[in-house]
Amino acid sequence: MKSRTQGMWWGTTVEAPDPGALAAFYAELLGWHVGHEEPGTAIVAASPQGPFFVFQEAKGYRAPVWPPVEGEQRPMMHLDFQVGDLDEAVAEAVALGATLAEAQPQENVRVLFDPAGHPFCLCYDEG
């Protein structure tokens, strides 16, 4: 794209009641680092060139409900992470502060909630 310039960054932005805490959770979960933090915003990066997750403070934040429930805040998106050992990855995520969802959709996928209540999936591909 012609509009891209050197130093531009890109990423997914996730709303949270405490962006710094959620950034620290994902940095530890993914083995990335918190590349930038200021009041109301924290950015987690895989490398200086990205990819990036941006965590932005949301006043009046309501955690999404999964599975969706009529009249409640629906998840608008979720993150998927492929893992080499599903049970070990779940245990590590829970130790960092994630919560295992009661409803599980598939044998090779585990739905968890991050500390802010966003669902994310750990996926094991035997392939």
Protein backbone atom coordinates (compact mmCIF):
# COMPACT_ATOMS: atom_id res chain seq x y z
CA MET A 1 0.00 0.00 0.00
CA LYS A 2 1.28 3.43 -0.87
CA SER A 3 -0.15 4.89 2.34
CA ARG A 4 2.14 2.70 4.48
CA THR A 5 5.26 4.40 5.76
CA GLN A 6 8.32 3.21 7.64
CA GLY A 7 7.56 2.71 11.30
CA MET A 8 3.81 2.17 10.90
CA TRP A 9 2.41 -0.49 13.18
CA TRP A 10 -0.72 -2.57 13.01
CA GLY A 11 -2.61 -4.71 15.44
CA THR A 12 -5.84 -5.75 17.05
CA THR A 13 -7.31 -3.49 19.74
CA VAL A 14 -9.03 -5.08 22.73
CA GLU A 15 -11.08 -3.11 25.27
CA ALA A 16 -10.39 -3.75 28.94
CA PRO A 17 -11.07 -2.24 32.35
CA ASP A 18 -7.31 -2.40 33.17
CA PRO A 19 -5.25 -2.39 29.95
CA GLY A 20 -1.89 -2.73 31.72
CA ALA A 21 -2.94 -5.85 33.61
CA LEU A 22 -4.44 -7.46 30.53
CA ALA A 23 -1.34 -6.62 28.48
CA ALA A 24 0.83 -8.26 31.14
CA PHE A 25 -1.37 -11.40 31.02
CA TYR A 26 -1.07 -11.76 27.23
CA ALA A 27 2.63 -10.90 27.22
CA GLU A 28 3.27 -13.75 29.65
CA LEU A 29 0.86 -16.13 27.89
CA LEU A 30 2.46 -15.58 24.48
CA GLY A 31 6.07 -14.97 25.52
CA TRP A 32 5.88 -11.48 23.97
CA HIS A 33 6.70 -8.20 25.68
CA VAL A 34 4.86 -5.05 26.68
CA GLY A 35 6.30 -2.63 24.14
CA HIS A 36 4.52 0.52 25.24
CA GLU A 37 2.32 1.59 28.11
CA GLU A 38 0.67 4.89 28.97
CA PRO A 39 -2.47 5.77 30.94
CA GLY A 40 -5.38 3.98 29.27
CA THR A 41 -3.33 2.02 26.72
CA ALA A 42 -0.82 -0.82 26.67
CA ILE A 43 0.69 -2.56 23.64
CA VAL A 44 2.03 -6.11 23.53
CA ALA A 45 4.42 -6.97 20.70
CA ALA A 46 5.90 -10.15 19.28
CA SER A 47 8.81 -8.12 17.88
CA PRO A 48 9.51 -4.45 17.08
CA GLN A 49 7.81 -5.02 13.70
CA GLY A 50 4.72 -6.73 15.19
CA PRO A 51 2.28 -8.19 15.29
CA PHE A 52 0.78 -6.12 18.10
CA PHE A 53 -2.15 -6.37 20.49
CA VAL A 54 -3.34 -3.00 21.78
CA PHE A 55 -5.25 -2.95 25.06
CA GLN A 56 -7.35 0.16 25.52
CA GLU A 57 -9.23 1.27 28.63
CA ALA A 58 -13.00 1.13 28.33
CA LYS A 59 -15.12 2.99 30.85
CA GLY A 60 -18.20 0.99 31.85
CA TYR A 61 -16.64 -2.20 30.46
CA ARG A 62 -18.88 -5.27 30.48
CA ALA A 63 -17.27 -8.64 29.92
CA PRO A 64 -18.79 -10.64 27.07
CA VAL A 65 -20.83 -13.74 27.83
CA TRP A 66 -19.90 -17.03 26.18
CA PRO A 67 -21.71 -19.00 25.00
CA PRO A 68 -23.82 -16.02 23.90
CA VAL A 69 -26.96 -15.29 25.92
CA GLU A 70 -29.83 -13.22 24.51
CA GLY A 71 -29.75 -9.69 25.95
CA GLU A 72 -26.17 -9.97 27.30
CA GLN A 73 -22.93 -8.58 25.88
CA ARG A 74 -21.90 -10.90 23.05
CA PRO A 75 -18.25 -11.58 22.24
CA MET A 76 -17.46 -9.47 19.19
CA MET A 77 -14.28 -11.40 18.43
CA HIS A 78 -11.91 -13.84 20.08
CA LEU A 79 -8.29 -14.85 19.71
CA ASP A 80 -7.16 -18.37 18.75
CA PHE A 81 -3.73 -19.75 19.65
CA GLN A 82 -2.36 -23.04 18.35
CA VAL A 83 -0.58 -25.07 21.02
CA GLY A 84 1.56 -28.22 21.08
CA ASP A 85 0.06 -29.70 24.26
CA LEU A 86 -3.52 -28.75 25.04
CA ASP A 87 -3.61 -29.81 28.70
CA GLU A 88 -0.29 -28.12 29.48
CA ALA A 89 -1.30 -24.92 27.67
CA VAL A 90 -4.59 -24.78 29.59
CA ALA A 91 -2.78 -25.28 32.90
CA GLU A 92 -0.29 -22.51 32.06
CA ALA A 93 -3.06 -20.09 31.04
CA VAL A 94 -5.03 -20.81 34.22
CA ALA A 95 -1.91 -20.29 36.33
CA LEU A 96 -1.57 -16.83 34.70
CA GLY A 97 -5.15 -15.88 35.59
CA ALA A 98 -7.35 -17.33 32.84
CA THR A 99 -10.54 -19.23 33.62
CA LEU A 100 -11.63 -22.37 31.79
CA ALA A 101 -15.10 -22.01 30.26
CA GLU A 102 -17.70 -24.53 31.35
CA ALA A 103 -18.95 -25.11 27.77
CA GLN A 104 -16.37 -26.59 25.40
CA PRO A 105 -17.20 -26.81 21.67
CA GLN A 106 -14.68 -29.40 20.43
CA GLU A 107 -12.32 -32.10 21.66
CA ASN A 108 -9.19 -30.31 20.34
CA VAL A 109 -10.18 -26.78 21.45
CA ARG A 110 -10.40 -25.25 24.92
CA VAL A 111 -12.25 -21.98 25.45
CA LEU A 112 -10.90 -19.87 28.29
CA PHE A 113 -11.58 -16.36 29.57
CA ASP A 114 -8.77 -13.87 30.07
CA PRO A 115 -8.71 -11.83 33.31
CA ALA A 116 -11.05 -9.23 31.74
CA GLY A 117 -13.52 -11.91 30.66
CA HIS A 118 -12.74 -12.03 26.91
CA PRO A 119 -12.98 -15.57 25.53
CA PHE A 120 -9.95 -17.00 23.74
CA CYS A 121 -9.25 -20.46 22.37
CA LEU A 122 -6.30 -22.78 22.71
CA CYS A 123 -6.32 -25.12 19.72
CA TYR A 124 -4.43 -28.38 19.30
CA ASP A 125 -3.90 -29.66 15.76
CA GLU A 126 -2.82 -33.29 15.67
CA GLY A 127 -2.17 -32.91 11.96
